[in-house]
N, C-alpha and C. Protein backbone atom coordinates (compact mmCIF):
# COMPACT_ATOMS: atom_id res chain seq x y z
N MET A 1 99.77 75.82 97.38
CA MET A 1 100.94 76.65 97.64
C MET A 1 100.63 78.09 97.23
N ARG A 2 100.97 79.01 98.06
CA ARG A 2 100.70 80.43 97.83
C ARG A 2 101.78 81.06 96.96
N GLU A 3 101.33 81.97 96.06
CA GLU A 3 102.29 82.64 95.19
C GLU A 3 103.16 83.61 95.97
N GLU A 4 104.37 83.83 95.47
CA GLU A 4 105.31 84.75 96.07
C GLU A 4 104.85 86.19 95.84
N ARG A 5 105.03 87.05 96.84
CA ARG A 5 104.67 88.47 96.70
C ARG A 5 105.51 89.11 95.61
N ARG A 6 104.88 89.97 94.83
CA ARG A 6 105.57 90.67 93.75
C ARG A 6 105.76 92.13 94.13
N PRO A 7 106.81 92.76 93.61
CA PRO A 7 106.98 94.20 93.86
C PRO A 7 105.95 94.99 93.04
N LEU A 8 105.54 96.11 93.57
CA LEU A 8 104.61 96.98 92.86
C LEU A 8 105.34 97.71 91.74
N ALA A 9 104.61 98.08 90.71
CA ALA A 9 105.17 98.86 89.62
C ALA A 9 105.61 100.23 90.15
N ASP A 10 106.54 100.85 89.47
CA ASP A 10 107.09 102.14 89.88
C ASP A 10 106.21 103.29 89.37
N ARG A 11 105.01 103.41 89.96
CA ARG A 11 104.08 104.50 89.66
C ARG A 11 103.10 104.58 90.82
N PRO A 12 102.46 105.75 91.01
CA PRO A 12 101.50 105.88 92.10
C PRO A 12 100.30 104.95 91.91
N LEU A 13 99.69 104.51 92.98
CA LEU A 13 98.50 103.67 92.89
C LEU A 13 97.34 104.37 92.19
N THR A 14 97.40 105.68 92.15
CA THR A 14 96.33 106.44 91.50
C THR A 14 96.45 106.47 89.99
N GLU A 15 97.58 106.01 89.45
CA GLU A 15 97.82 106.08 88.00
C GLU A 15 97.88 104.68 87.40
N PRO A 16 96.83 104.26 86.69
CA PRO A 16 96.86 102.93 86.06
C PRO A 16 97.81 102.89 84.87
N HIS A 17 98.30 101.72 84.57
CA HIS A 17 99.16 101.55 83.39
C HIS A 17 98.36 101.88 82.15
N GLN A 18 98.98 102.53 81.18
CA GLN A 18 98.28 102.98 79.97
C GLN A 18 97.70 101.82 79.17
N SER A 19 98.24 100.62 79.33
CA SER A 19 97.68 99.47 78.62
C SER A 19 96.36 99.02 79.23
N ARG A 20 96.09 99.44 80.46
CA ARG A 20 94.85 99.07 81.15
C ARG A 20 93.81 100.18 81.12
N LEU A 21 94.26 101.43 81.01
CA LEU A 21 93.34 102.58 80.89
C LEU A 21 94.03 103.62 80.01
N SER A 22 93.62 103.64 78.77
CA SER A 22 94.25 104.50 77.79
C SER A 22 94.11 105.98 78.14
N PRO A 23 95.18 106.75 77.95
CA PRO A 23 95.09 108.20 78.14
C PRO A 23 94.10 108.84 77.16
N GLU A 24 93.79 108.16 76.08
CA GLU A 24 92.86 108.68 75.07
C GLU A 24 91.40 108.38 75.38
N ARG A 25 91.13 107.58 76.37
CA ARG A 25 89.76 107.17 76.67
C ARG A 25 88.94 108.39 77.10
N PRO A 26 87.78 108.62 76.47
CA PRO A 26 86.98 109.82 76.77
C PRO A 26 86.51 109.94 78.22
N ASP A 27 86.22 108.83 78.87
CA ASP A 27 85.73 108.89 80.25
C ASP A 27 86.83 108.65 81.28
N ARG A 28 88.07 108.80 80.88
CA ARG A 28 89.22 108.57 81.78
C ARG A 28 89.14 109.40 83.05
N ALA A 29 88.82 110.68 82.93
CA ALA A 29 88.77 111.56 84.11
C ALA A 29 87.72 111.08 85.11
N ARG A 30 86.57 110.64 84.62
CA ARG A 30 85.51 110.13 85.51
C ARG A 30 85.95 108.84 86.19
N ILE A 31 86.62 107.99 85.44
CA ILE A 31 87.11 106.73 86.01
C ILE A 31 88.16 107.01 87.08
N LEU A 32 89.11 107.89 86.78
CA LEU A 32 90.16 108.20 87.76
C LEU A 32 89.59 108.86 89.01
N ALA A 33 88.57 109.70 88.85
CA ALA A 33 87.93 110.34 90.01
C ALA A 33 87.23 109.30 90.88
N ALA A 34 86.53 108.36 90.26
CA ALA A 34 85.85 107.30 91.02
C ALA A 34 86.87 106.42 91.73
N HIS A 35 87.97 106.11 91.05
CA HIS A 35 89.03 105.30 91.65
C HIS A 35 89.66 106.03 92.83
N ALA A 36 89.98 107.30 92.65
CA ALA A 36 90.61 108.09 93.72
C ALA A 36 89.70 108.17 94.95
N ALA A 37 88.41 108.36 94.73
CA ALA A 37 87.47 108.43 95.85
C ALA A 37 87.41 107.10 96.60
N ALA A 38 87.40 105.99 95.87
CA ALA A 38 87.37 104.68 96.51
C ALA A 38 88.67 104.41 97.26
N LEU A 39 89.80 104.80 96.67
CA LEU A 39 91.09 104.65 97.35
C LEU A 39 91.11 105.43 98.66
N ALA A 40 90.68 106.69 98.59
CA ALA A 40 90.70 107.56 99.77
C ALA A 40 89.79 107.03 100.88
N ALA A 41 88.70 106.39 100.49
CA ALA A 41 87.75 105.84 101.47
C ALA A 41 88.15 104.45 101.95
N GLY A 42 89.22 103.90 101.38
CA GLY A 42 89.66 102.57 101.77
C GLY A 42 88.75 101.46 101.27
N GLU A 43 87.98 101.74 100.23
CA GLU A 43 87.06 100.75 99.69
C GLU A 43 87.78 99.80 98.73
N ALA A 44 87.22 98.63 98.56
CA ALA A 44 87.82 97.62 97.69
C ALA A 44 87.66 97.98 96.22
N GLY A 45 86.65 98.74 95.88
CA GLY A 45 86.42 99.08 94.49
C GLY A 45 85.35 100.14 94.33
N TYR A 46 84.91 100.31 93.10
CA TYR A 46 83.92 101.33 92.76
C TYR A 46 83.12 100.87 91.55
N PRO A 47 81.92 101.39 91.35
CA PRO A 47 81.18 101.06 90.13
C PRO A 47 81.73 101.86 88.95
N ASP A 48 82.02 101.16 87.86
CA ASP A 48 82.52 101.83 86.66
C ASP A 48 81.48 102.86 86.21
N PRO A 49 81.91 104.11 85.96
CA PRO A 49 80.98 105.16 85.57
C PRO A 49 80.21 104.86 84.27
N ALA A 50 80.80 104.10 83.37
CA ALA A 50 80.15 103.82 82.09
C ALA A 50 79.26 102.58 82.13
N THR A 51 79.73 101.53 82.81
CA THR A 51 79.02 100.25 82.75
C THR A 51 78.31 99.86 84.04
N GLY A 52 78.75 100.45 85.17
CA GLY A 52 78.19 100.06 86.45
C GLY A 52 78.82 98.81 87.04
N LEU A 53 79.72 98.17 86.29
CA LEU A 53 80.41 96.98 86.80
C LEU A 53 81.37 97.36 87.93
N PHE A 54 81.57 96.47 88.87
CA PHE A 54 82.45 96.73 90.01
C PHE A 54 83.91 96.56 89.58
N VAL A 55 84.73 97.58 89.85
CA VAL A 55 86.15 97.59 89.48
C VAL A 55 86.98 97.67 90.76
N LEU A 56 87.93 96.78 90.91
CA LEU A 56 88.79 96.77 92.09
C LEU A 56 89.81 97.90 92.04
N THR A 57 90.12 98.47 93.18
CA THR A 57 91.11 99.55 93.25
C THR A 57 92.52 98.98 93.29
N ALA A 58 93.47 99.83 92.94
CA ALA A 58 94.88 99.45 93.01
C ALA A 58 95.28 99.13 94.45
N GLY A 59 94.71 99.84 95.41
CA GLY A 59 95.01 99.57 96.81
C GLY A 59 94.60 98.18 97.24
N PHE A 60 93.39 97.78 96.87
CA PHE A 60 92.91 96.44 97.18
C PHE A 60 93.80 95.40 96.52
N LEU A 61 94.10 95.61 95.25
CA LEU A 61 94.93 94.65 94.51
C LEU A 61 96.34 94.57 95.07
N ALA A 62 96.89 95.70 95.52
CA ALA A 62 98.23 95.71 96.11
C ALA A 62 98.27 94.91 97.40
N ARG A 63 97.20 95.02 98.19
CA ARG A 63 97.15 94.27 99.46
C ARG A 63 97.11 92.76 99.23
N ARG A 64 96.64 92.33 98.06
CA ARG A 64 96.61 90.89 97.74
C ARG A 64 98.02 90.34 97.61
N GLY A 65 98.96 91.18 97.18
CA GLY A 65 100.36 90.78 97.14
C GLY A 65 100.85 90.18 95.84
N THR A 66 99.97 89.91 94.92
CA THR A 66 100.39 89.32 93.66
C THR A 66 99.35 89.59 92.58
N CYS A 67 99.77 89.55 91.34
CA CYS A 67 98.86 89.77 90.21
C CYS A 67 98.07 88.49 89.95
N CYS A 68 96.78 88.62 89.72
CA CYS A 68 95.95 87.45 89.44
C CYS A 68 95.95 87.09 87.96
N GLY A 69 96.44 88.00 87.10
CA GLY A 69 96.52 87.72 85.67
C GLY A 69 95.21 87.89 84.92
N ARG A 70 94.22 88.54 85.53
CA ARG A 70 92.92 88.69 84.88
C ARG A 70 92.74 90.02 84.15
N GLY A 71 93.78 90.82 84.07
CA GLY A 71 93.69 92.08 83.32
C GLY A 71 93.00 93.20 84.05
N CYS A 72 93.11 93.26 85.35
CA CYS A 72 92.45 94.30 86.15
C CYS A 72 92.89 95.70 85.70
N ARG A 73 91.93 96.60 85.62
CA ARG A 73 92.18 97.97 85.16
C ARG A 73 93.24 98.67 86.00
N HIS A 74 93.21 98.51 87.28
CA HIS A 74 94.12 99.23 88.18
C HIS A 74 95.21 98.33 88.76
N CYS A 75 95.59 97.27 88.05
CA CYS A 75 96.61 96.36 88.55
C CYS A 75 97.89 97.13 88.89
N PRO A 76 98.33 97.07 90.14
CA PRO A 76 99.53 97.81 90.54
C PRO A 76 100.83 97.08 90.21
N TYR A 77 100.73 95.92 89.57
CA TYR A 77 101.92 95.14 89.25
C TYR A 77 102.37 95.28 87.81
N VAL A 78 101.49 95.73 86.93
CA VAL A 78 101.81 95.87 85.50
C VAL A 78 102.85 96.98 85.35
N ASP A 79 103.99 96.65 84.73
CA ASP A 79 105.03 97.67 84.58
C ASP A 79 105.68 97.68 83.19
N ASP A 80 105.17 96.90 82.27
CA ASP A 80 105.78 96.92 80.93
C ASP A 80 104.77 97.26 79.87
């Protein structure tokens, strides 16, 4: 059985929830730039500037329609 679609959080897809990407994080600007570029290009994700690991974009996650519960950095459903 497929999960019910959830509403997106009330913030732009370009702005991750602070619990997932702290405003205090030193490489935040680089991460947000990489995310914005991937969003603009319609890509599913981008390599994390610090680790090289693949990170899914908020756009990709929003198209899935529901939160997977795995703590994604750009989860568009986190609102608390």
